[in-house]
C-alpha atoms as a PDB file:
ATOM      1  CA  MET A   1      10.006  51.312   2.701  1.00  0.00           C
ATOM      2  CA  ASP A   2       6.826  50.757   4.356  1.00  0.00           C
ATOM      3  CA  SER A   3       6.766  50.345   8.118  1.00  0.00           C
ATOM      4  CA  VAL A   4       5.112  47.475   9.902  1.00  0.00           C
ATOM      5  CA  ASP A   5       4.278  47.130  13.610  1.00  0.00           C
ATOM      6  CA  GLY A   6       7.338  47.553  15.601  1.00  0.00           C
ATOM      7  CA  GLY A   7       9.334  49.579  13.278  1.00  0.00           C
ATOM      8  CA  PHE A   8      10.481  47.032  10.943  1.00  0.00           C
ATOM      9  CA  SER A   9      10.263  47.634   7.185  1.00  0.00           C
ATOM     10  CA  SER A  10       8.202  45.253   5.080  1.00  0.00           C
ATOM     11  CA  HIS A  11      11.716  43.952   3.643  1.00  0.00           C
ATOM     12  CA  GLN A  12      12.884  43.236   6.973  1.00  0.00           C
ATOM     13  CA  PHE A  13       9.685  41.587   8.135  1.00  0.00           C
ATOM     14  CA  TYR A  14       9.546  39.101   5.179  1.00  0.00           C
ATOM     15  CA  MET A  15      13.083  38.283   5.369  1.00  0.00           C
ATOM     16  CA  GLU A  16      12.579  37.401   9.309  1.00  0.00           C
ATOM     17  CA  LYS A  17       9.632  35.274   8.557  1.00  0.00           C
ATOM     18  CA  ARG A  18      11.406  32.952   5.824  1.00  0.00           C
ATOM     19  CA  PRO A  19      12.256  29.644   7.225  1.00  0.00           C
ATOM     20  CA  SER A  20      15.940  28.730   7.110  1.00  0.00           C
ATOM     21  CA  TYR A  21      17.073  25.542   5.235  1.00  0.00           C
ATOM     22  CA  GLY A  22      20.812  25.850   5.905  1.00  0.00           C
ATOM     23  CA  ASN A  23      23.208  26.725   2.913  1.00  0.00           C
ATOM     24  CA  GLY A  24      20.768  25.089   0.391  1.00  0.00           C
ATOM     25  CA  THR A  25      22.853  21.954  -0.255  1.00  0.00           C
ATOM     26  CA  PHE A  26      19.940  19.605   0.718  1.00  0.00           C
ATOM     27  CA  THR A  27      17.338  21.379  -1.382  1.00  0.00           C
ATOM     28  CA  GLY A  28      19.796  21.546  -4.391  1.00  0.00           C
ATOM     29  CA  CYS A  29      20.527  17.700  -3.962  1.00  0.00           C
ATOM     30  CA  PHE A  30      16.781  16.888  -3.714  1.00  0.00           C
ATOM     31  CA  ARG A  31      15.961  18.847  -6.839  1.00  0.00           C
ATOM     32  CA  SER A  32      18.954  17.030  -8.696  1.00  0.00           C
ATOM     33  CA  VAL A  33      17.407  13.631  -7.519  1.00  0.00           C
ATOM     34  CA  GLN A  34      13.810  14.868  -8.916  1.00  0.00           C
ATOM     35  CA  VAL A  35      15.264  15.735 -12.239  1.00  0.00           C
ATOM     36  CA  LEU A  36      17.313  12.392 -12.571  1.00  0.00           C
ATOM     37  CA  CYS A  37      14.027  10.446 -11.622  1.00  0.00           C
ATOM     38  CA  VAL A  38      12.050  12.239 -14.254  1.00  0.00           C
ATOM     39  CA  PHE A  39      14.683  11.591 -16.993  1.00  0.00           C
ATOM     40  CA  ALA A  40      14.892   7.923 -15.938  1.00  0.00           C
ATOM     41  CA  LEU A  41      11.146   7.620 -16.224  1.00  0.00           C
ATOM     42  CA  VAL A  42      11.102   9.335 -19.649  1.00  0.00           C
ATOM     43  CA  ALA A  43      13.994   7.001 -20.771  1.00  0.00           C
ATOM     44  CA  LEU A  44      11.933   3.797 -19.612  1.00  0.00           C
ATOM     45  CA  ALA A  45       8.808   4.991 -21.422  1.00  0.00           C
ATOM     46  CA  VAL A  46      10.621   5.612 -24.638  1.00  0.00           C
ATOM     47  CA  THR A  47      12.407   2.425 -24.573  1.00  0.00           C
ATOM     48  CA  ALA A  48       9.267   0.250 -23.499  1.00  0.00           C
ATOM     49  CA  PRO A  49       8.872  -2.737 -26.010  1.00  0.00           C
ATOM     50  CA  GLN A  50       6.130  -1.816 -28.633  1.00  0.00           C
ATOM     51  CA  ASP A  51       3.598  -4.255 -29.981  1.00  0.00           C
ATOM     52  CA  PRO A  52       5.198  -5.599 -33.166  1.00  0.00           C
ATOM     53  CA  ASN A  53       1.770  -6.445 -34.638  1.00  0.00           C
ATOM     54  CA  PRO A  54      -0.672  -3.778 -33.957  1.00  0.00           C
ATOM     55  CA  ALA A  55      -4.302  -4.693 -34.656  1.00  0.00           C
ATOM     56  CA  TYR A  56      -6.127  -3.087 -37.511  1.00  0.00           C
ATOM     57  CA  ILE A  57      -9.905  -2.892 -38.314  1.00  0.00           C
ATOM     58  CA  LEU A  58     -10.874  -5.529 -40.874  1.00  0.00           C
ATOM     59  CA  LYS A  59     -14.699  -4.558 -40.892  1.00  0.00           C
ATOM     60  CA  GLN A  60     -16.629  -1.658 -39.570  1.00  0.00           C
ATOM     61  CA  ASP A  61     -20.310  -0.779 -40.076  1.00  0.00           C
ATOM     62  CA  SER A  62     -22.742   1.548 -38.045  1.00  0.00           C
ATOM     63  CA  ASP A  63     -26.143   2.956 -38.651  1.00  0.00           C
ATOM     64  CA  VAL A  64     -27.977   5.353 -36.304  1.00  0.00           C
ATOM     65  CA  ASN A  65     -31.687   6.547 -36.708  1.00  0.00           C
ATOM     66  CA  PRO A  66     -34.707   7.634 -34.619  1.00  0.00           C
ATOM     67  CA  GLU A  67     -35.778   4.128 -34.085  1.00  0.00           C
ATOM     68  CA  GLY A  68     -32.511   2.862 -32.985  1.00  0.00           C
ATOM     69  CA  TYR A  69     -28.869   2.006 -33.899  1.00  0.00           C
ATOM     70  CA  HIS A  70     -26.637  -0.845 -35.086  1.00  0.00           C
ATOM     71  CA  PHE A  71     -22.908  -1.038 -35.206  1.00  0.00           C
ATOM     72  CA  GLU A  72     -20.308  -3.774 -35.586  1.00  0.00           C
ATOM     73  CA  PHE A  73     -16.556  -4.158 -36.119  1.00  0.00           C
ATOM     74  CA  GLU A  74     -13.894  -6.896 -36.448  1.00  0.00           C
ATOM     75  CA  THR A  75     -10.128  -6.430 -35.954  1.00  0.00           C
ATOM     76  CA  SER A  76      -7.195  -8.523 -37.155  1.00  0.00           C
ATOM     77  CA  ASP A  77      -6.442  -9.890 -33.651  1.00  0.00           C
ATOM     78  CA  GLY A  78      -9.753 -11.704 -33.362  1.00  0.00           C
ATOM     79  CA  ILE A  79     -11.706  -9.073 -31.565  1.00  0.00           C
ATOM     80  CA  SER A  80     -15.202  -8.481 -32.837  1.00  0.00           C
ATOM     81  CA  ARG A  81     -18.328  -6.606 -31.464  1.00  0.00           C
ATOM     82  CA  GLN A  82     -21.786  -6.012 -32.649  1.00  0.00           C
ATOM     83  CA  GLU A  83     -24.651  -4.321 -31.057  1.00  0.00           C
ATOM     84  CA  GLN A  84     -28.204  -3.081 -31.915  1.00  0.00           C
ATOM     85  CA  GLY A  85     -30.455  -1.089 -29.800  1.00  0.00           C
ATOM     86  CA  THR A  86     -34.115  -0.148 -30.393  1.00  0.00           C
ATOM     87  CA  LEU A  87     -36.543   1.994 -28.588  1.00  0.00           C
ATOM     88  CA  LYS A  88     -39.041   0.090 -26.669  1.00  0.00           C
ATOM     89  CA  GLN A  89     -42.279   1.178 -24.940  1.00  0.00           C
ATOM     90  CA  VAL A  90     -41.883   0.058 -21.328  1.00  0.00           C
ATOM     91  CA  SER A  91     -45.037   1.571 -20.099  1.00  0.00           C
ATOM     92  CA  GLU A  92     -47.671   3.943 -21.244  1.00  0.00           C
ATOM     93  CA  ASP A  93     -45.638   6.993 -20.579  1.00  0.00           C
ATOM     94  CA  HIS A  94     -42.085   5.487 -20.314  1.00  0.00           C
ATOM     95  CA  LYS A  95     -39.797   4.342 -23.276  1.00  0.00           C
ATOM     96  CA  ALA A  96     -36.396   2.743 -22.996  1.00  0.00           C
ATOM     97  CA  ILE A  97     -33.787   1.505 -25.241  1.00  0.00           C
ATOM     98  CA  GLU A  98     -33.350  -2.351 -25.532  1.00  0.00           C
ATOM     99  CA  VAL A  99     -29.861  -3.598 -26.603  1.00  0.00           C
ATOM    100  CA  HIS A 100     -28.730  -6.864 -27.932  1.00  0.00           C
ATOM    101  CA  GLY A 101     -25.286  -7.558 -28.758  1.00  0.00           C
ATOM    102  CA  SER A 102     -22.109  -9.608 -28.481  1.00  0.00           C
ATOM    103  CA  TYR A 103     -18.330  -9.442 -28.319  1.00  0.00           C
ATOM    104  CA  LYS A 104     -15.531 -12.004 -28.807  1.00  0.00           C
ATOM    105  CA  TYR A 105     -11.808 -12.001 -28.154  1.00  0.00           C
ATOM    106  CA  THR A 106      -8.952 -14.469 -27.585  1.00  0.00           C
ATOM    107  CA  ALA A 107      -7.493 -14.431 -24.035  1.00  0.00           C
ATOM    108  CA  PRO A 108      -3.674 -14.539 -23.488  1.00  0.00           C
ATOM    109  CA  ASP A 109      -3.996 -18.296 -22.700  1.00  0.00           C
ATOM    110  CA  GLY A 110      -5.625 -18.914 -26.123  1.00  0.00           C
ATOM    111  CA  LEU A 111      -9.173 -19.437 -25.047  1.00  0.00           C
ATOM    112  CA  ILE A 112     -11.809 -17.716 -27.191  1.00  0.00           C
ATOM    113  CA  TYR A 113     -14.451 -16.054 -25.088  1.00  0.00           C
ATOM    114  CA  THR A 114     -17.840 -14.940 -26.681  1.00  0.00           C
ATOM    115  CA  VAL A 115     -20.312 -12.918 -24.486  1.00  0.00           C
ATOM    116  CA  ASN A 116     -23.804 -12.322 -25.768  1.00  0.00           C
ATOM    117  CA  PHE A 117     -25.994  -9.794 -23.992  1.00  0.00           C
ATOM    118  CA  VAL A 118     -29.184  -8.100 -23.621  1.00  0.00           C
ATOM    119  CA  ALA A 119     -29.569  -4.683 -21.691  1.00  0.00           C
ATOM    120  CA  ASP A 120     -33.179  -3.556 -21.145  1.00  0.00           C
ATOM    121  CA  GLU A 121     -35.357  -2.408 -18.345  1.00  0.00           C
ATOM    122  CA  HIS A 122     -34.281  -5.493 -16.397  1.00  0.00           C
ATOM    123  CA  GLY A 123     -30.588  -4.630 -16.414  1.00  0.00           C
ATOM    124  CA  PHE A 124     -27.489  -5.954 -18.127  1.00  0.00           C
ATOM    125  CA  GLN A 125     -27.928  -9.839 -18.781  1.00  0.00           C
ATOM    126  CA  PRO A 126     -24.674 -11.403 -20.102  1.00  0.00           C
ATOM    127  CA  GLN A 127     -24.084 -15.151 -21.255  1.00  0.00           C
ATOM    128  CA  GLU A 128     -20.601 -16.188 -21.689  1.00  0.00           C
ATOM    129  CA  HIS A 129     -19.250 -18.891 -23.829  1.00  0.00           C
ATOM    130  CA  VAL A 130     -15.668 -20.277 -23.820  1.00  0.00           C
ATOM    131  CA  GLU A 131     -14.125 -22.170 -26.713  1.00  0.00           C
ATOM    132  CA  HIS A 132     -11.176 -24.345 -26.429  1.00  0.00           C
ATOM    133  CA  PRO A 133      -9.389 -24.225 -29.766  1.00  0.00           C
ATOM    134  CA  GLN A 134      -7.953 -27.388 -31.215  1.00  0.00           C
ATOM    135  CA  GLN A 135      -4.166 -27.479 -30.518  1.00  0.00           C
END
């Protein structure tokens, strides 16, 4: 074995520098608690309630070209979104994309929110509308 300063072998030096945690009962118990917690979290995740009525896409369309883009979609849960963007000459040497669009969804309280927006060199400019459906 190699000798380290003071005549200790490298094995003895390593063994002397290791911290002592008693007989290992605490660390073994702690490891068991960790494993138990992991299994409990996995069990909770597996048994979590799933949405019985997942949304599906009713309509979807998109078109991208050098002058701009357009897309829209609508889902079975009442969410819809449409957006179109065009390249706009902002100044003599600067172009920017100008976006017009909207999205619509039904909140958990039954209110229907529609947001129309413009995003251009002046920033994002949303306008919200709330519908109160007849009950």
